[in-house]
Amino acid sequence: MDEKSSTTRTLTAESLAAALKTFATTLSQHSARQSDLIDIFATALKDLHAEVQRGRARNRKLQARLEQTEARLSELERVVTAMRRQGWVN
């Protein structure tokens, strides 16, 4: 009976070792997938950040052009008003 008990323990230990090995392999695979997903997400965030920065730069340029145009229009309006006062423009 002692021999049967020993055989049962050996089979149980082997089964447990096989289950732990399978678990470790599965865990490793999941870890690798998560790492890949994190890399993809990080790349997407970097790309998004770069696009936002380009958009901000574009907006600053457009804002500067708008301010220059408004200043020129104000100057033109001042000149036209002066010309009207002098009777050069109706």
PDB file of N, CA and C in Angstrom:
ATOM      1  N   MET A   1       0.814  -1.171   0.000  1.00  0.00           N
ATOM      2  CA  MET A   1       0.000   0.000   0.000  1.00  0.00           C
ATOM      3  C   MET A   1       0.866   1.245   0.000  1.00  0.00           C
ATOM      4  N   ASP A   2       2.010   1.159   0.614  1.00  0.00           N
ATOM      5  CA  ASP A   2       2.938   2.268   0.664  1.00  0.00           C
ATOM      6  C   ASP A   2       3.444   2.599  -0.729  1.00  0.00           C
ATOM      7  N   GLU A   3       3.625   1.563  -1.544  1.00  0.00           N
ATOM      8  CA  GLU A   3       4.090   1.750  -2.918  1.00  0.00           C
ATOM      9  C   GLU A   3       3.019   2.469  -3.744  1.00  0.00           C
ATOM     10  N   LYS A   4       1.747   2.129  -3.527  1.00  0.00           N
ATOM     11  CA  LYS A   4       0.648   2.774  -4.243  1.00  0.00           C
ATOM     12  C   LYS A   4       0.547   4.242  -3.861  1.00  0.00           C
ATOM     13  N   SER A   5       0.715   4.541  -2.614  1.00  0.00           N
ATOM     14  CA  SER A   5       0.663   5.918  -2.112  1.00  0.00           C
ATOM     15  C   SER A   5       1.815   6.728  -2.704  1.00  0.00           C
ATOM     16  N   SER A   6       2.985   6.132  -2.795  1.00  0.00           N
ATOM     17  CA  SER A   6       4.146   6.794  -3.377  1.00  0.00           C
ATOM     18  C   SER A   6       3.923   7.079  -4.855  1.00  0.00           C
ATOM     19  N   THR A   7       3.347   6.126  -5.553  1.00  0.00           N
ATOM     20  CA  THR A   7       3.055   6.309  -6.974  1.00  0.00           C
ATOM     21  C   THR A   7       2.031   7.424  -7.172  1.00  0.00           C
ATOM     22  N   THR A   8       1.030   7.472  -6.316  1.00  0.00           N
ATOM     23  CA  THR A   8      -0.003   8.509  -6.393  1.00  0.00           C
ATOM     24  C   THR A   8       0.614   9.880  -6.162  1.00  0.00           C
ATOM     25  N   ARG A   9       1.517   9.957  -5.157  1.00  0.00           N
ATOM     26  CA  ARG A   9       2.190  11.238  -4.877  1.00  0.00           C
ATOM     27  C   ARG A   9       3.054  11.664  -6.060  1.00  0.00           C
ATOM     28  N   THR A  10       3.736  10.734  -6.699  1.00  0.00           N
ATOM     29  CA  THR A  10       4.584  11.034  -7.847  1.00  0.00           C
ATOM     30  C   THR A  10       3.736  11.554  -9.001  1.00  0.00           C
ATOM     31  N   LEU A  11       2.613  10.878  -9.258  1.00  0.00           N
ATOM     32  CA  LEU A  11       1.724  11.337 -10.326  1.00  0.00           C
ATOM     33  C   LEU A  11       1.143  12.713  -9.999  1.00  0.00           C
ATOM     34  N   THR A  12       0.784  12.935  -8.744  1.00  0.00           N
ATOM     35  CA  THR A  12       0.237  14.223  -8.326  1.00  0.00           C
ATOM     36  C   THR A  12       1.305  15.303  -8.468  1.00  0.00           C
ATOM     37  N   ALA A  13       2.524  15.017  -8.078  1.00  0.00           N
ATOM     38  CA  ALA A  13       3.608  15.984  -8.204  1.00  0.00           C
ATOM     39  C   ALA A  13       3.891  16.298  -9.663  1.00  0.00           C
ATOM     40  N   GLU A  14       3.871  15.263 -10.513  1.00  0.00           N
ATOM     41  CA  GLU A  14       4.104  15.484 -11.937  1.00  0.00           C
ATOM     42  C   GLU A  14       2.968  16.307 -12.550  1.00  0.00           C
ATOM     43  N   SER A  15       1.745  16.003 -12.166  1.00  0.00           N
ATOM     44  CA  SER A  15       0.591  16.743 -12.667  1.00  0.00           C
ATOM     45  C   SER A  15       0.666  18.200 -12.219  1.00  0.00           C
ATOM     46  N   LEU A  16       1.028  18.405 -10.972  1.00  0.00           N
ATOM     47  CA  LEU A  16       1.164  19.759 -10.429  1.00  0.00           C
ATOM     48  C   LEU A  16       2.284  20.513 -11.144  1.00  0.00           C
ATOM     49  N   ALA A  17       3.405  19.846 -11.380  1.00  0.00           N
ATOM     50  CA  ALA A  17       4.521  20.477 -12.091  1.00  0.00           C
ATOM     51  C   ALA A  17       4.107  20.843 -13.511  1.00  0.00           C
ATOM     52  N   ALA A  18       3.382  19.961 -14.183  1.00  0.00           N
ATOM     53  CA  ALA A  18       2.911  20.244 -15.545  1.00  0.00           C
ATOM     54  C   ALA A  18       1.930  21.411 -15.553  1.00  0.00           C
ATOM     55  N   ALA A  19       1.024  21.444 -14.582  1.00  0.00           N
ATOM     56  CA  ALA A  19       0.046  22.534 -14.490  1.00  0.00           C
ATOM     57  C   ALA A  19       0.750  23.856 -14.220  1.00  0.00           C
ATOM     58  N   LEU A  20       1.750  23.862 -13.344  1.00  0.00           N
ATOM     59  CA  LEU A  20       2.497  25.082 -13.044  1.00  0.00           C
ATOM     60  C   LEU A  20       3.291  25.555 -14.267  1.00  0.00           C
ATOM     61  N   LYS A  21       3.844  24.607 -15.018  1.00  0.00           N
ATOM     62  CA  LYS A  21       4.585  24.961 -16.223  1.00  0.00           C
ATOM     63  C   LYS A  21       3.645  25.582 -17.253  1.00  0.00           C
ATOM     64  N   THR A  22       2.466  24.996 -17.422  1.00  0.00           N
ATOM     65  CA  THR A  22       1.469  25.547 -18.344  1.00  0.00           C
ATOM     66  C   THR A  22       1.039  26.940 -17.896  1.00  0.00           C
ATOM     67  N   PHE A  23       0.815  27.098 -16.601  1.00  0.00           N
ATOM     68  CA  PHE A  23       0.422  28.400 -16.048  1.00  0.00           C
ATOM     69  C   PHE A  23       1.513  29.437 -16.298  1.00  0.00           C
ATOM     70  N   ALA A  24       2.759  29.082 -16.067  1.00  0.00           N
ATOM     71  CA  ALA A  24       3.876  29.997 -16.287  1.00  0.00           C
ATOM     72  C   ALA A  24       3.981  30.401 -17.754  1.00  0.00           C
ATOM     73  N   THR A  25       3.779  29.444 -18.643  1.00  0.00           N
ATOM     74  CA  THR A  25       3.823  29.736 -20.080  1.00  0.00           C
ATOM     75  C   THR A  25       2.693  30.689 -20.468  1.00  0.00           C
ATOM     76  N   THR A  26       1.496  30.409 -19.977  1.00  0.00           N
ATOM     77  CA  THR A  26       0.340  31.262 -20.268  1.00  0.00           C
ATOM     78  C   THR A  26       0.560  32.666 -19.718  1.00  0.00           C
ATOM     79  N   LEU A  27       1.059  32.745 -18.512  1.00  0.00           N
ATOM     80  CA  LEU A  27       1.337  34.038 -17.882  1.00  0.00           C
ATOM     81  C   LEU A  27       2.380  34.817 -18.688  1.00  0.00           C
ATOM     82  N   SER A  28       3.379  34.142 -19.156  1.00  0.00           N
ATOM     83  CA  SER A  28       4.410  34.777 -19.974  1.00  0.00           C
ATOM     84  C   SER A  28       3.827  35.307 -21.275  1.00  0.00           C
ATOM     85  N   GLN A  29       2.957  34.516 -21.900  1.00  0.00           N
ATOM     86  CA  GLN A  29       2.321  34.947 -23.149  1.00  0.00           C
ATOM     87  C   GLN A  29       1.451  36.180 -22.928  1.00  0.00           C
ATOM     88  N   HIS A  30       0.679  36.177 -21.864  1.00  0.00           N
ATOM     89  CA  HIS A  30      -0.165  37.331 -21.545  1.00  0.00           C
ATOM     90  C   HIS A  30       0.690  38.567 -21.249  1.00  0.00           C
ATOM     91  N   SER A  31       1.765  38.352 -20.553  1.00  0.00           N
ATOM     92  CA  SER A  31       2.670  39.454 -20.241  1.00  0.00           C
ATOM     93  C   SER A  31       3.259  40.056 -21.510  1.00  0.00           C
ATOM     94  N   ALA A  32       3.639  39.209 -22.448  1.00  0.00           N
ATOM     95  CA  ALA A  32       4.188  39.681 -23.724  1.00  0.00           C
ATOM     96  C   ALA A  32       3.137  40.458 -24.504  1.00  0.00           C
ATOM     97  N   ARG A  33       1.899  39.961 -24.518  1.00  0.00           N
ATOM     98  CA  ARG A  33       0.814  40.668 -25.218  1.00  0.00           C
ATOM     99  C   ARG A  33       0.553  42.024 -24.583  1.00  0.00           C
ATOM    100  N   GLN A  34       0.544  42.066 -23.259  1.00  0.00           N
ATOM    101  CA  GLN A  34       0.322  43.337 -22.562  1.00  0.00           C
ATOM    102  C   GLN A  34       1.454  44.309 -22.851  1.00  0.00           C
ATOM    103  N   SER A  35       2.657  43.806 -22.898  1.00  0.00           N
ATOM    104  CA  SER A  35       3.802  44.651 -23.217  1.00  0.00           C
ATOM    105  C   SER A  35       3.670  45.227 -24.616  1.00  0.00           C
ATOM    106  N   ASP A  36       3.242  44.390 -25.564  1.00  0.00           N
ATOM    107  CA  ASP A  36       3.016  44.860 -26.937  1.00  0.00           C
ATOM    108  C   ASP A  36       1.925  45.923 -26.976  1.00  0.00           C
ATOM    109  N   LEU A  37       0.850  45.693 -26.241  1.00  0.00           N
ATOM    110  CA  LEU A  37      -0.236  46.673 -26.204  1.00  0.00           C
ATOM    111  C   LEU A  37       0.225  47.991 -25.597  1.00  0.00           C
ATOM    112  N   ILE A  38       1.025  47.911 -24.563  1.00  0.00           N
ATOM    113  CA  ILE A  38       1.554  49.130 -23.933  1.00  0.00           C
ATOM    114  C   ILE A  38       2.437  49.883 -24.930  1.00  0.00           C
ATOM    115  N   ASP A  39       3.260  49.160 -25.675  1.00  0.00           N
ATOM    116  CA  ASP A  39       4.109  49.806 -26.689  1.00  0.00           C
ATOM    117  C   ASP A  39       3.269  50.486 -27.762  1.00  0.00           C
ATOM    118  N   ILE A  40       2.228  49.817 -28.223  1.00  0.00           N
ATOM    119  CA  ILE A  40       1.345  50.397 -29.238  1.00  0.00           C
ATOM    120  C   ILE A  40       0.652  51.632 -28.694  1.00  0.00           C
ATOM    121  N   PHE A  41       0.160  51.550 -27.474  1.00  0.00           N
ATOM    122  CA  PHE A  41      -0.522  52.680 -26.843  1.00  0.00           C
ATOM    123  C   PHE A  41       0.437  53.851 -26.662  1.00  0.00           C
ATOM    124  N   ALA A  42       1.656  53.586 -26.229  1.00  0.00           N
ATOM    125  CA  ALA A  42       2.651  54.647 -26.042  1.00  0.00           C
ATOM    126  C   ALA A  42       2.985  55.317 -27.369  1.00  0.00           C
ATOM    127  N   THR A  43       3.124  54.538 -28.425  1.00  0.00           N
ATOM    128  CA  THR A  43       3.395  55.104 -29.746  1.00  0.00           C
ATOM    129  C   THR A  43       2.232  55.977 -30.204  1.00  0.00           C
ATOM    130  N   ALA A  44       1.009  55.506 -29.983  1.00  0.00           N
ATOM    131  CA  ALA A  44      -0.169  56.291 -30.364  1.00  0.00           C
ATOM    132  C   ALA A  44      -0.219  57.600 -29.586  1.00  0.00           C
ATOM    133  N   LEU A  45       0.102  57.565 -28.308  1.00  0.00           N
ATOM    134  CA  LEU A  45       0.118  58.787 -27.502  1.00  0.00           C
ATOM    135  C   LEU A  45       1.184  59.762 -27.988  1.00  0.00           C
ATOM    136  N   LYS A  46       2.352  59.247 -28.342  1.00  0.00           N
ATOM    137  CA  LYS A  46       3.416  60.114 -28.863  1.00  0.00           C
ATOM    138  C   LYS A  46       2.985  60.766 -30.166  1.00  0.00           C
ATOM    139  N   ASP A  47       2.355  59.977 -31.053  1.00  0.00           N
ATOM    140  CA  ASP A  47       1.872  60.516 -32.328  1.00  0.00           C
ATOM    141  C   ASP A  47       0.806  61.578 -32.101  1.00  0.00           C
ATOM    142  N   LEU A  48      -0.098  61.316 -31.174  1.00  0.00           N
ATOM    143  CA  LEU A  48      -1.149  62.280 -30.853  1.00  0.00           C
ATOM    144  C   LEU A  48      -0.545  63.558 -30.295  1.00  0.00           C
ATOM    145  N   HIS A  49       0.424  63.425 -29.408  1.00  0.00           N
ATOM    146  CA  HIS A  49       1.090  64.600 -28.829  1.00  0.00           C
ATOM    147  C   HIS A  49       1.770  65.423 -29.915  1.00  0.00           C
ATOM    148  N   ALA A  50       2.443  64.756 -30.838  1.00  0.00           N
ATOM    149  CA  ALA A  50       3.110  65.464 -31.939  1.00  0.00           C
ATOM    150  C   ALA A  50       2.085  66.197 -32.796  1.00  0.00           C
ATOM    151  N   GLU A  51       0.963  65.561 -33.073  1.00  0.00           N
ATOM    152  CA  GLU A  51      -0.091  66.202 -33.874  1.00  0.00           C
ATOM    153  C   GLU A  51      -0.670  67.415 -33.145  1.00  0.00           C
ATOM    154  N   VAL A  52      -0.873  67.297 -31.857  1.00  0.00           N
ATOM    155  CA  VAL A  52      -1.374  68.428 -31.063  1.00  0.00           C
ATOM    156  C   VAL A  52      -0.370  69.574 -31.099  1.00  0.00           C
ATOM    157  N   GLN A  53       0.904  69.259 -30.973  1.00  0.00           N
ATOM    158  CA  GLN A  53       1.943  70.298 -31.028  1.00  0.00           C
ATOM    159  C   GLN A  53       1.948  70.984 -32.395  1.00  0.00           C
ATOM    160  N   ARG A  54       1.818  70.198 -33.470  1.00  0.00           N
ATOM    161  CA  ARG A  54       1.753  70.794 -34.817  1.00  0.00           C
ATOM    162  C   ARG A  54       0.526  71.690 -34.950  1.00  0.00           C
ATOM    163  N   GLY A  55      -0.591  71.245 -34.400  1.00  0.00           N
ATOM    164  CA  GLY A  55      -1.820  72.047 -34.437  1.00  0.00           C
ATOM    165  C   GLY A  55      -1.657  73.349 -33.675  1.00  0.00           C
ATOM    166  N   ARG A  56      -1.015  73.285 -32.538  1.00  0.00           N
ATOM    167  CA  ARG A  56      -0.783  74.508 -31.751  1.00  0.00           C
ATOM    168  C   ARG A  56       0.125  75.477 -32.501  1.00  0.00           C
ATOM    169  N   ALA A  57       1.165  74.956 -33.121  1.00  0.00           N
ATOM    170  CA  ALA A  57       2.075  75.810 -33.889  1.00  0.00           C
ATOM    171  C   ALA A  57       1.328  76.446 -35.056  1.00  0.00           C
ATOM    172  N   ARG A  58       0.510  75.663 -35.730  1.00  0.00           N
ATOM    173  CA  ARG A  58      -0.282  76.177 -36.848  1.00  0.00           C
ATOM    174  C   ARG A  58      -1.244  77.264 -36.365  1.00  0.00           C
ATOM    175  N   ASN A  59      -1.874  77.046 -35.213  1.00  0.00           N
ATOM    176  CA  ASN A  59      -2.786  78.040 -34.651  1.00  0.00           C
ATOM    177  C   ASN A  59      -2.059  79.326 -34.275  1.00  0.00           C
ATOM    178  N   ARG A  60      -0.839  79.202 -33.720  1.00  0.00           N
ATOM    179  CA  ARG A  60      -0.063  80.403 -33.373  1.00  0.00           C
ATOM    180  C   ARG A  60       0.274  81.208 -34.621  1.00  0.00           C
ATOM    181  N   LYS A  61       0.653  80.500 -35.693  1.00  0.00           N
ATOM    182  CA  LYS A  61       0.973  81.190 -36.956  1.00  0.00           C
ATOM    183  C   LYS A  61      -0.258  81.900 -37.504  1.00  0.00           C
ATOM    184  N   LEU A  62      -1.386  81.195 -37.485  1.00  0.00           N
ATOM    185  CA  LEU A  62      -2.621  81.799 -37.989  1.00  0.00           C
ATOM    186  C   LEU A  62      -3.040  82.988 -37.132  1.00  0.00           C
ATOM    187  N   GLN A  63      -2.865  82.874 -35.824  1.00  0.00           N
ATOM    188  CA  GLN A  63      -3.206  83.980 -34.921  1.00  0.00           C
ATOM    189  C   GLN A  63      -2.325  85.191 -35.213  1.00  0.00           C
ATOM    190  N   ALA A  64      -1.036  84.964 -35.449  1.00  0.00           N
ATOM    191  CA  ALA A  64      -0.123  86.067 -35.764  1.00  0.00           C
ATOM    192  C   ALA A  64      -0.519  86.723 -37.086  1.00  0.00           C
ATOM    193  N   ARG A  65      -0.864  85.917 -38.089  1.00  0.00           N
ATOM    194  CA  ARG A  65      -1.298  86.471 -39.377  1.00  0.00           C
ATOM    195  C   ARG A  65      -2.589  87.259 -39.228  1.00  0.00           C
ATOM    196  N   LEU A  66      -3.513  86.773 -38.414  1.00  0.00           N
ATOM    197  CA  LEU A  66      -4.767  87.471 -38.165  1.00  0.00           C
ATOM    198  C   LEU A  66      -4.514  88.822 -37.501  1.00  0.00           C
ATOM    199  N   GLU A  67      -3.633  88.824 -36.502  1.00  0.00           N
ATOM    200  CA  GLU A  67      -3.320  90.079 -35.808  1.00  0.00           C
ATOM    201  C   GLU A  67      -2.661  91.079 -36.751  1.00  0.00           C
ATOM    202  N   GLN A  68      -1.764  90.604 -37.625  1.00  0.00           N
ATOM    203  CA  GLN A  68      -1.133  91.496 -38.611  1.00  0.00           C
ATOM    204  C   GLN A  68      -2.177  92.062 -39.570  1.00  0.00           C
ATOM    205  N   THR A  69      -3.082  91.209 -40.016  1.00  0.00           N
ATOM    206  CA  THR A  69      -4.126  91.650 -40.942  1.00  0.00           C
ATOM    207  C   THR A  69      -5.037  92.672 -40.273  1.00  0.00           C
ATOM    208  N   GLU A  70      -5.404  92.419 -39.030  1.00  0.00           N
ATOM    209  CA  GLU A  70      -6.248  93.375 -38.298  1.00  0.00           C
ATOM    210  C   GLU A  70      -5.536  94.711 -38.123  1.00  0.00           C
ATOM    211  N   ALA A  71      -4.242  94.669 -37.840  1.00  0.00           N
ATOM    212  CA  ALA A  71      -3.483  95.913 -37.697  1.00  0.00           C
ATOM    213  C   ALA A  71      -3.430  96.671 -39.019  1.00  0.00           C
ATOM    214  N   ARG A  72      -3.220  95.968 -40.116  1.00  0.00           N
ATOM    215  CA  ARG A  72      -3.192  96.605 -41.440  1.00  0.00           C
ATOM    216  C   ARG A  72      -4.561  97.195 -41.802  1.00  0.00           C
ATOM    217  N   LEU A  73      -5.626  96.465 -41.473  1.00  0.00           N
ATOM    218  CA  LEU A  73      -6.969  96.983 -41.744  1.00  0.00           C
ATOM    219  C   LEU A  73      -7.241  98.240 -40.923  1.00  0.00           C
ATOM    220  N   SER A  74      -6.811  98.244 -39.687  1.00  0.00           N
ATOM    221  CA  SER A  74      -6.980  99.430 -38.848  1.00  0.00           C
ATOM    222  C   SER A  74      -6.226 100.613 -39.439  1.00  0.00           C
ATOM    223  N   GLU A  75      -5.017 100.368 -39.903  1.00  0.00           N
ATOM    224  CA  GLU A  75      -4.227 101.429 -40.527  1.00  0.00           C
ATOM    225  C   GLU A  75      -4.909 101.916 -41.806  1.00  0.00           C
ATOM    226  N   LEU A  76      -5.413 101.000 -42.624  1.00  0.00           N
ATOM    227  CA  LEU A  76      -6.109 101.377 -43.848  1.00  0.00           C
ATOM    228  C   LEU A  76      -7.364 102.183 -43.526  1.00  0.00           C
ATOM    229  N   GLU A  77      -8.097 101.744 -42.502  1.00  0.00           N
ATOM    230  CA  GLU A  77      -9.297 102.476 -42.089  1.00  0.00           C
ATOM    231  C   GLU A  77      -8.943 103.882 -41.631  1.00  0.00           C
ATOM    232  N   ARG A  78      -7.857 104.028 -40.899  1.00  0.00           N
ATOM    233  CA  ARG A  78      -7.415 105.348 -40.441  1.00  0.00           C
ATOM    234  C   ARG A  78      -7.066 106.238 -41.628  1.00  0.00           C
ATOM    235  N   VAL A  79      -6.361 105.666 -42.630  1.00  0.00           N
ATOM    236  CA  VAL A  79      -5.969 106.432 -43.815  1.00  0.00           C
ATOM    237  C   VAL A  79      -7.205 106.844 -44.611  1.00  0.00           C
ATOM    238  N   VAL A  80      -8.143 105.911 -44.827  1.00  0.00           N
ATOM    239  CA  VAL A  80      -9.358 106.225 -45.578  1.00  0.00           C
ATOM    240  C   VAL A  80     -10.176 107.284 -44.848  1.00  0.00           C
ATOM    241  N   THR A  81     -10.267 107.210 -43.545  1.00  0.00           N
ATOM    242  CA  THR A  81     -10.997 108.214 -42.757  1.00  0.00           C
ATOM    243  C   THR A  81     -10.347 109.581 -42.920  1.00  0.00           C
ATOM    244  N   ALA A  82      -9.031 109.624 -42.884  1.00  0.00           N
ATOM    245  CA  ALA A  82      -8.328 110.893 -43.078  1.00  0.00           C
ATOM    246  C   ALA A  82      -8.560 111.437 -44.480  1.00  0.00           C
ATOM    247  N   MET A  83      -8.562 110.543 -45.467  1.00  0.00           N
ATOM    248  CA  MET A  83      -8.792 110.996 -46.853  1.00  0.00           C
ATOM    249  C   MET A  83     -10.224 111.525 -47.011  1.00  0.00           C
ATOM    250  N   ARG A  84     -11.191 110.902 -46.315  1.00  0.00           N
ATOM    251  CA  ARG A  84     -12.575 111.393 -46.360  1.00  0.00           C
ATOM    252  C   ARG A  84     -12.671 112.787 -45.761  1.00  0.00           C
ATOM    253  N   ARG A  85     -11.995 112.962 -44.637  1.00  0.00           N
ATOM    254  CA  ARG A  85     -12.031 114.286 -43.993  1.00  0.00           C
ATOM    255  C   ARG A  85     -11.480 115.359 -44.918  1.00  0.00           C
ATOM    256  N   GLN A  86     -10.497 115.012 -45.708  1.00  0.00           N
ATOM    257  CA  GLN A  86      -9.882 115.978 -46.619  1.00  0.00           C
ATOM    258  C   GLN A  86     -10.653 116.078 -47.929  1.00  0.00           C
ATOM    259  N   GLY A  87     -11.683 115.250 -48.099  1.00  0.00           N
ATOM    260  CA  GLY A  87     -12.517 115.316 -49.285  1.00  0.00           C
ATOM    261  C   GLY A  87     -11.957 114.542 -50.474  1.00  0.00           C
ATOM    262  N   TRP A  88     -10.968 113.760 -50.301  1.00  0.00           N
ATOM    263  CA  TRP A  88     -10.389 112.985 -51.405  1.00  0.00           C
ATOM    264  C   TRP A  88     -11.213 111.756 -51.746  1.00  0.00           C
ATOM    265  N   VAL A  89     -11.954 111.240 -50.767  1.00  0.00           N
ATOM    266  CA  VAL A  89     -12.770 110.025 -50.949  1.00  0.00           C
ATOM    267  C   VAL A  89     -14.175 110.321 -50.453  1.00  0.00           C
ATOM    268  N   ASN A  90     -15.177 109.904 -51.203  1.00  0.00           N
ATOM    269  CA  ASN A  90     -16.578 110.139 -50.788  1.00  0.00           C
ATOM    270  C   ASN A  90     -17.066 109.027 -49.905  1.00  0.00           C
TER     271      ASN A  90
END
